[in-house]
Each structure stands twice: as C-alpha cells, then as structure tokens.
Protein backbone atom coordinates (compact mmCIF):
# COMPACT_ATOMS: atom_id res chain seq x y z
CA MET A 1 -12.32 -56.05 16.74
CA ALA A 2 -13.97 -55.86 20.24
CA VAL A 3 -16.37 -52.92 20.73
CA PRO A 4 -15.28 -50.89 23.82
CA THR A 5 -17.65 -50.76 26.72
CA GLY A 6 -17.60 -49.79 30.56
CA LYS A 7 -17.89 -46.69 32.14
CA GLY A 8 -15.64 -44.64 29.77
CA LEU A 9 -17.93 -45.39 26.73
CA ASN A 10 -21.03 -44.38 28.88
CA ARG A 11 -19.51 -41.08 30.01
CA ALA A 12 -19.07 -40.38 26.50
CA MET A 13 -22.36 -41.34 25.38
CA HIS A 14 -23.67 -38.96 27.94
CA ALA A 15 -21.41 -36.14 28.22
CA ARG A 16 -23.07 -32.72 27.65
CA SER A 17 -22.41 -31.25 24.27
CA PRO A 18 -20.78 -27.74 24.27
CA ILE A 19 -23.18 -26.77 21.51
CA LEU A 20 -26.38 -25.04 23.06
CA LEU A 21 -29.26 -25.69 21.24
CA GLN A 22 -31.84 -23.05 20.25
CA PRO A 23 -35.57 -23.56 19.65
CA ASP A 24 -37.09 -21.87 16.31
CA SER A 25 -40.48 -20.68 16.21
CA TYR A 26 -41.70 -24.34 15.64
CA GLY A 27 -40.08 -25.79 18.69
CA VAL A 28 -37.22 -27.49 17.03
CA ASP A 29 -33.98 -27.21 18.34
CA ARG A 30 -31.78 -25.37 15.99
CA ILE A 31 -27.54 -25.34 15.91
CA PRO A 32 -26.51 -21.82 15.91
CA GLN A 33 -24.24 -20.93 12.82
CA PRO A 34 -20.78 -20.11 13.38
CA ASP A 35 -19.03 -16.94 11.93
CA LYS A 36 -18.02 -17.15 8.18
CA PRO A 37 -14.52 -17.07 7.57
CA GLY A 38 -12.82 -13.95 6.61
CA ALA A 39 -11.56 -12.88 3.26
CA LEU A 40 -8.88 -14.52 1.54
CA HIS A 41 -5.64 -12.87 1.40
CA GLY A 42 -2.07 -14.27 -0.24
CA GLU A 43 1.03 -12.90 -1.53
CA ILE A 44 2.77 -13.18 -5.02
CA TRP A 45 6.27 -12.79 -5.36
CA LEU A 46 8.49 -12.99 -8.58
CA THR A 47 12.18 -14.00 -8.21
CA VAL A 48 14.36 -13.52 -11.38
CA GLN A 49 18.15 -14.60 -11.74
CA THR A 50 19.25 -12.15 -14.53
CA ILE A 51 19.55 -8.20 -14.72
CA GLN A 52 18.15 -8.45 -18.24
CA VAL A 53 14.71 -9.43 -16.83
CA GLN A 54 15.06 -7.03 -13.97
CA GLN A 55 15.25 -4.15 -16.51
CA LEU A 56 12.12 -5.63 -18.33
CA ILE A 57 10.22 -5.60 -15.05
CA HIS A 58 10.80 -1.90 -14.43
CA GLY A 59 11.50 -0.51 -18.01
CA ARG A 60 13.47 2.66 -18.56
CA ASN A 61 12.63 6.24 -18.73
CA GLY A 62 13.25 7.84 -22.19
CA SER A 63 15.70 10.44 -22.83
CA SER A 64 17.22 12.51 -25.71
CA ASP A 65 19.23 9.78 -26.82
CA LYS A 66 17.37 6.48 -25.64
CA PRO A 67 13.50 5.45 -26.29
CA THR A 68 11.13 4.83 -23.54
CA ILE A 69 10.91 0.97 -22.49
CA VAL A 70 7.80 -0.07 -20.81
CA GLY A 71 8.38 -2.83 -18.12
CA LEU A 72 6.11 -4.98 -16.65
CA ILE A 73 4.88 -2.62 -13.97
CA GLY A 74 3.96 -0.04 -16.70
CA PHE A 75 2.48 -2.75 -18.54
CA ALA A 76 0.16 -3.59 -15.62
CA ASN A 77 -0.77 -0.03 -14.74
CA ARG A 78 -2.05 0.67 -18.00
CA LEU A 79 -3.84 -2.74 -18.38
CA ARG A 80 -5.58 -1.68 -15.11
CA VAL A 81 -7.39 0.93 -16.97
CA ILE A 82 -8.36 -1.22 -19.90
CA TRP A 83 -9.53 -3.56 -17.78
CA GLN A 84 -12.06 -1.45 -15.87
CA ALA A 85 -13.15 0.18 -19.22
CA ALA A 86 -13.90 -3.48 -20.40
CA ARG A 87 -16.12 -3.80 -17.11
CA SER A 88 -18.16 -0.86 -18.50
CA ASP A 89 -18.54 -2.45 -22.05
CA ASP A 90 -16.00 -0.48 -23.86
CA PRO A 91 -15.55 -2.23 -27.10
CA TYR A 92 -12.06 -0.80 -27.65
CA ALA A 93 -10.69 -2.28 -24.20
CA ASP A 94 -12.19 -5.87 -25.28
CA TRP A 95 -10.32 -5.11 -28.48
CA TRP A 96 -6.94 -4.20 -26.64
CA LEU A 97 -7.50 -7.34 -24.21
CA VAL A 98 -7.66 -9.65 -27.52
CA LYS A 99 -4.64 -8.07 -28.98
CA VAL A 100 -2.71 -8.53 -25.35
CA HIS A 101 -3.80 -12.23 -25.13
CA ASP A 102 -2.64 -13.00 -28.72
CA ALA A 103 0.71 -11.20 -28.17
CA ILE A 104 1.38 -13.22 -24.87
CA GLU A 105 0.62 -16.62 -26.61
CA ILE A 106 3.03 -15.41 -29.45
CA THR A 107 5.57 -14.43 -27.01
CA ARG A 108 5.25 -17.57 -24.96
CA ALA A 109 5.59 -19.94 -28.07
CA ALA A 110 8.87 -18.12 -28.97
CA ILE A 111 10.17 -18.38 -25.59
CA ASP A 112 9.24 -21.98 -25.70
CA ARG A 113 10.93 -22.55 -28.94
CA GLY A 114 13.89 -21.08 -27.78
CA GLN A 115 14.23 -22.93 -24.60
CA ALA A 116 13.54 -26.26 -26.32
CA GLU A 117 16.49 -25.74 -28.62
CA LEU A 118 18.74 -24.81 -26.14
CA ASP A 119 17.73 -27.77 -24.23
CA ARG A 120 18.60 -30.21 -26.90
CA GLN A 121 21.84 -28.65 -27.31
CA LEU A 122 22.76 -29.16 -23.81
CA LYS A 123 21.66 -32.81 -23.80
CA ARG A 124 23.92 -33.69 -26.95
CA MET A 125 26.90 -33.16 -24.80
CA THR A 126 28.52 -36.28 -23.76
CA ALA A 127 30.72 -36.91 -20.63
CA MET A 128 29.64 -33.22 -19.22
CA GLU A 129 26.98 -32.60 -16.85
CA VAL A 130 25.88 -28.86 -17.06
CA CYS A 131 24.09 -27.20 -14.43
CA VAL A 132 22.47 -23.79 -15.87
CA ALA A 133 23.88 -20.76 -14.20
CA VAL A 134 21.90 -18.90 -11.43
CA SER A 135 22.36 -15.95 -9.54
CA THR A 136 24.15 -15.78 -6.27
CA ARG A 137 21.76 -13.13 -5.07
CA PRO A 138 18.44 -13.17 -7.14
CA TYR A 139 16.36 -10.33 -7.52
CA ARG A 140 12.98 -10.49 -5.79
CA ILE A 141 9.85 -8.51 -6.36
CA HIS A 142 6.23 -8.31 -4.59
CA LEU A 143 3.44 -8.30 -7.31
CA LYS A 144 0.04 -6.97 -6.50
CA PHE A 145 -1.86 -6.37 -9.79
CA ALA A 146 -5.48 -5.77 -10.52
CA ASN A 147 -5.93 -8.04 -13.55
CA PRO A 148 -4.91 -11.54 -14.69
CA TYR A 149 -2.83 -10.37 -17.80
CA ALA A 150 -0.43 -8.54 -15.79
CA TYR A 151 0.25 -11.87 -13.94
CA ARG A 152 0.48 -13.63 -17.35
CA GLY A 153 2.95 -11.14 -18.15
CA ALA A 154 4.81 -11.83 -15.20
CA GLN A 155 4.86 -15.41 -15.92
CA LEU A 156 6.35 -14.97 -19.32
CA LEU A 157 9.29 -12.90 -17.64
CA ALA A 158 9.87 -15.76 -15.38
CA GLN A 159 10.27 -18.09 -18.48
CA TYR A 160 12.19 -15.54 -20.18
CA ASP A 161 14.58 -15.39 -16.98
CA ARG A 162 15.37 -19.19 -17.39
CA LEU A 163 15.74 -18.78 -21.38
CA VAL A 164 18.60 -15.95 -20.71
CA CYS A 165 20.17 -18.28 -17.88
CA THR A 166 20.32 -21.43 -20.33
CA ALA A 167 21.54 -19.24 -23.12
CA LEU A 168 24.26 -17.65 -21.24
CA THR A 169 25.60 -20.82 -19.88
CA ALA A 170 25.57 -22.50 -23.25
CA ARG A 171 27.55 -19.45 -24.35
CA HIS A 172 30.09 -19.96 -21.67
CA ILE A 173 30.53 -23.31 -22.42
CA GLY A 174 31.00 -22.74 -26.53
CA LEU A 175 27.59 -24.18 -27.49
CA LEU A 176 26.45 -20.48 -28.92
CA GLY A 177 28.61 -18.11 -30.64
CA GLY A 178 28.97 -14.38 -29.19
CA ASP A 179 26.31 -13.04 -31.88
CA ALA A 180 23.85 -15.58 -31.12
CA GLN A 181 20.25 -13.92 -30.89
CA VAL A 182 18.13 -16.68 -29.29
CA HIS A 183 17.09 -14.66 -26.37
CA GLN A 184 17.61 -11.24 -27.79
CA ALA A 185 14.61 -11.89 -30.22
CA CYS A 186 12.59 -12.87 -27.42
CA ALA A 187 13.36 -9.54 -25.35
CA ARG A 188 12.13 -7.56 -28.33
CA LYS A 189 8.60 -9.52 -28.27
CA LEU A 190 8.14 -8.92 -24.60
CA ARG A 191 8.99 -4.93 -24.84
CA ALA A 192 6.40 -4.96 -28.12
CA LEU A 193 3.94 -6.95 -25.84
CA PHE A 194 4.36 -4.50 -22.72
CA MET A 195 3.60 -1.34 -25.38
CA ILE A 196 0.43 -2.54 -26.60
CA PRO A 197 -1.65 -1.09 -23.75
CA GLN A 198 0.23 2.43 -24.30
CA SER A 199 -1.78 3.01 -27.57
CA TYR A 200 -5.34 2.66 -25.78
CA ARG A 201 -7.10 5.82 -25.10
CA PHE A 202 -9.86 5.90 -22.38
CA LEU A 203 -12.91 7.94 -23.97
CA ASN A 204 -15.73 6.81 -21.45
CA ILE A 205 -17.50 5.16 -24.37
CA ASP A 206 -19.68 1.92 -24.53
CA ARG A 207 -20.97 -0.18 -27.31
CA GLU A 208 -24.28 1.49 -27.62
CA SER A 209 -22.32 4.84 -28.00
CA VAL A 210 -20.21 3.26 -30.84
CA ARG A 211 -23.27 2.03 -32.64
CA ARG A 212 -25.10 5.45 -32.67
CA GLN A 213 -21.94 7.22 -33.52
CA SER A 214 -21.56 9.41 -30.60
CA ARG A 215 -19.13 12.28 -30.70
CA SER A 216 -16.58 9.98 -28.32
CA SER A 217 -16.80 7.10 -30.30
CA LEU A 218 -15.94 9.20 -33.51
CA GLU A 219 -12.79 10.36 -31.55
CA ALA A 220 -12.09 6.67 -30.52
CA ARG A 221 -12.29 5.64 -34.03
CA GLN A 222 -10.04 8.39 -35.17
CA ALA A 223 -7.15 7.59 -32.37
CA MET A 224 -7.44 3.90 -32.36
CA GLY A 225 -9.11 2.79 -35.52
CA GLU A 226 -12.33 1.20 -36.35
CA VAL A 227 -13.30 -1.42 -33.90
CA PRO A 228 -14.11 -4.82 -35.85
CA GLU A 229 -17.49 -6.10 -35.99
CA ALA A 230 -16.76 -9.51 -34.18
CA ILE A 231 -15.69 -7.21 -31.27
CA LEU A 232 -18.17 -4.89 -31.33
CA ASN A 233 -21.23 -7.51 -31.34
CA GLY A 234 -19.31 -9.73 -28.62
CA GLN A 235 -18.76 -12.68 -30.69
CA HIS A 236 -14.92 -12.44 -30.51
CA ARG A 237 -13.54 -11.54 -27.08
CA ALA A 238 -10.41 -12.38 -25.02
CA PRO A 239 -10.54 -15.68 -22.71
CA LEU A 240 -10.07 -13.41 -19.79
CA THR A 241 -12.45 -10.58 -19.41
CA PRO A 242 -14.07 -8.85 -16.32
CA ARG A 243 -17.68 -9.13 -15.61
CA SER A 244 -19.50 -6.31 -17.16
CA VAL A 245 -21.26 -3.75 -14.81
CA THR A 246 -23.74 -0.80 -15.46
CA LEU A 247 -22.79 2.23 -13.43
CA ALA A 248 -25.86 4.30 -13.31
CA SER A 249 -23.99 7.71 -12.16
CA GLY A 250 -21.19 7.84 -14.71
CA TYR A 251 -18.39 5.42 -15.38
CA ALA A 252 -15.44 7.75 -14.78
CA GLY A 253 -16.49 9.00 -11.50
CA HIS A 254 -16.74 5.75 -10.18
CA VAL A 255 -13.41 4.56 -10.92
CA ASN A 256 -11.26 7.71 -10.79
CA LEU A 257 -10.62 7.57 -14.36
CA HIS A 258 -11.05 10.48 -16.90
CA ALA A 259 -10.94 10.65 -20.58
CA GLY A 260 -7.57 11.53 -22.06
CA SER A 261 -4.67 10.40 -24.04
CA ALA A 262 -2.85 7.13 -23.81
CA ILE A 263 0.12 7.34 -21.35
CA SER A 264 3.57 5.80 -20.69
CA ASP A 265 4.22 4.94 -17.21
CA THR A 266 7.44 3.72 -16.53
CA ASP A 267 8.34 4.83 -13.12
CA PRO A 268 10.64 2.09 -11.75
CA ASN A 269 9.39 2.61 -8.34
CA LYS A 270 5.61 2.52 -9.00
CA ASN A 271 3.34 -0.64 -8.75
CA ASP A 272 -0.11 -1.30 -9.61
CA ASP A 273 -1.75 -1.59 -5.84
CA GLU A 274 -5.30 -1.34 -7.06
C-alpha cells in the first residue's frame, strides 16, 4: 500500500497540537494531567414473576394469629448492622456472617435440585413444546443494599421465582400433583435464611473484649452463645467480609448504632439505602 504524501500529510505533521506544554522545574515540557473520572454509579433492579416471591421480598408484619415473616428487605436491613459490626472486629458478627453464608449455599443447592428435577420432567414430554409461564405484569423493585450478602439473597429469590414458575407450569399440565412440595420446601429455607440476622445483638464488642471477658462480652455470650474458637482467632471467616477498621472515638457513635436487642424489621415500605 502506498504511503500518502503531499500537502495534506505535511499539514498534519506540522499542525499545532491542542495540548499546551508547560515546563517543569528542570525545563522539561510536561503534559497537564486531565481531571479524574467521577465516582461510579449504577442501578440494580430485581424483576419477579410471582406473588410468592413478591411476598418474600417485603415479608409480613406479625399479628395475633399470624407470625412475622422477615423478607429480603428486613434481612438486608439487619445485615447492615452485622456488616458494620464485623468491620469493627466483632467476632459474633463474623460468626453470623458465616451462618448467613452457609444458609445461602444450602438454600441455593436446594433450589438448584428442585429446578433440575422439574426441567428433567418437562424434557421427558414428547410431541409437546412447553413454555414456562411468566407474568403479564412482572413486579420490579429497585435494590440498594449495603453489603453483598443482601444481593446474594436477592439472587436466591430470582432463582426461586424461576422455580415457582416452572412448578406452577408443571402442575398446570399435569406433571405435578396438587400436593407437590417442590417449591414450598425451598420457601421454608428462604424464610429461615432471612431470620438468621434477627438473632444477632449488637453490643459494641470486639475480639479483645471477648478475650478479656468484659461485661459486654459476657452479655453477648449469654444472649448468643459462646463464639467458636476458630471464629474468635480468625481462622474461620465468611468468604465475603468487610475490611476491618479501628475507630478511635468509639464505634457506635460513628455509625449511629447502639447496643440493644435484636430487631425484626419487616416494614414493607422500607429499603436499605445505606
């Protein structure tokens, strides 16, 4: 291929650069650095097809004849307290994160098994092409959580939503009986998972106070049990944990948390915007 020549090339080679060079203290021209990009910002939405999963998002307030059901939002709100406490080296918070992680993995495996079994049954059908039912008006909610395990809980609900759609489709075409418990068993596991953070109590302690058996650590032991040694010495931790920080002037004052009993937050209109 011929190399272009002529006036156009000469003008390009001798064109004045739009970048203004400034000499530094050594007399060497330096290119001024551009402004840095701004902070990253994104949005996360959860879209579900079934009323069963919509109810598990918001939970249910308790009454005289119905127990409280903690939903995804209540789960995320309480996890925020645990996540902040783990950042301040609370071994009980680390222990509860391990419990949450293990329960998530157990629930995920149960949903996957149920989905795989339903998919196998649908594939056995001959001469029929079955499309899994979906909603004519899906429910969509904006998620803004403060820790990754809340988002993992949301992902579990998305997987469970698919399972429910598949199970209801299979029942509609006669593959499942009316008393089939495929998705109901997974719903119980999800509700049990969302209840785990509710038993945690924030008592403004750390590993050092537990080792020296401070008054607050003794109260924590009475309320939540004796923390396992592997958790206390840091050998066993959840895969996802916050970076530890040391707050010189007191933990609770910095994050607006105060020692107290466990709470059950199931307000359907409240999201975790921290």
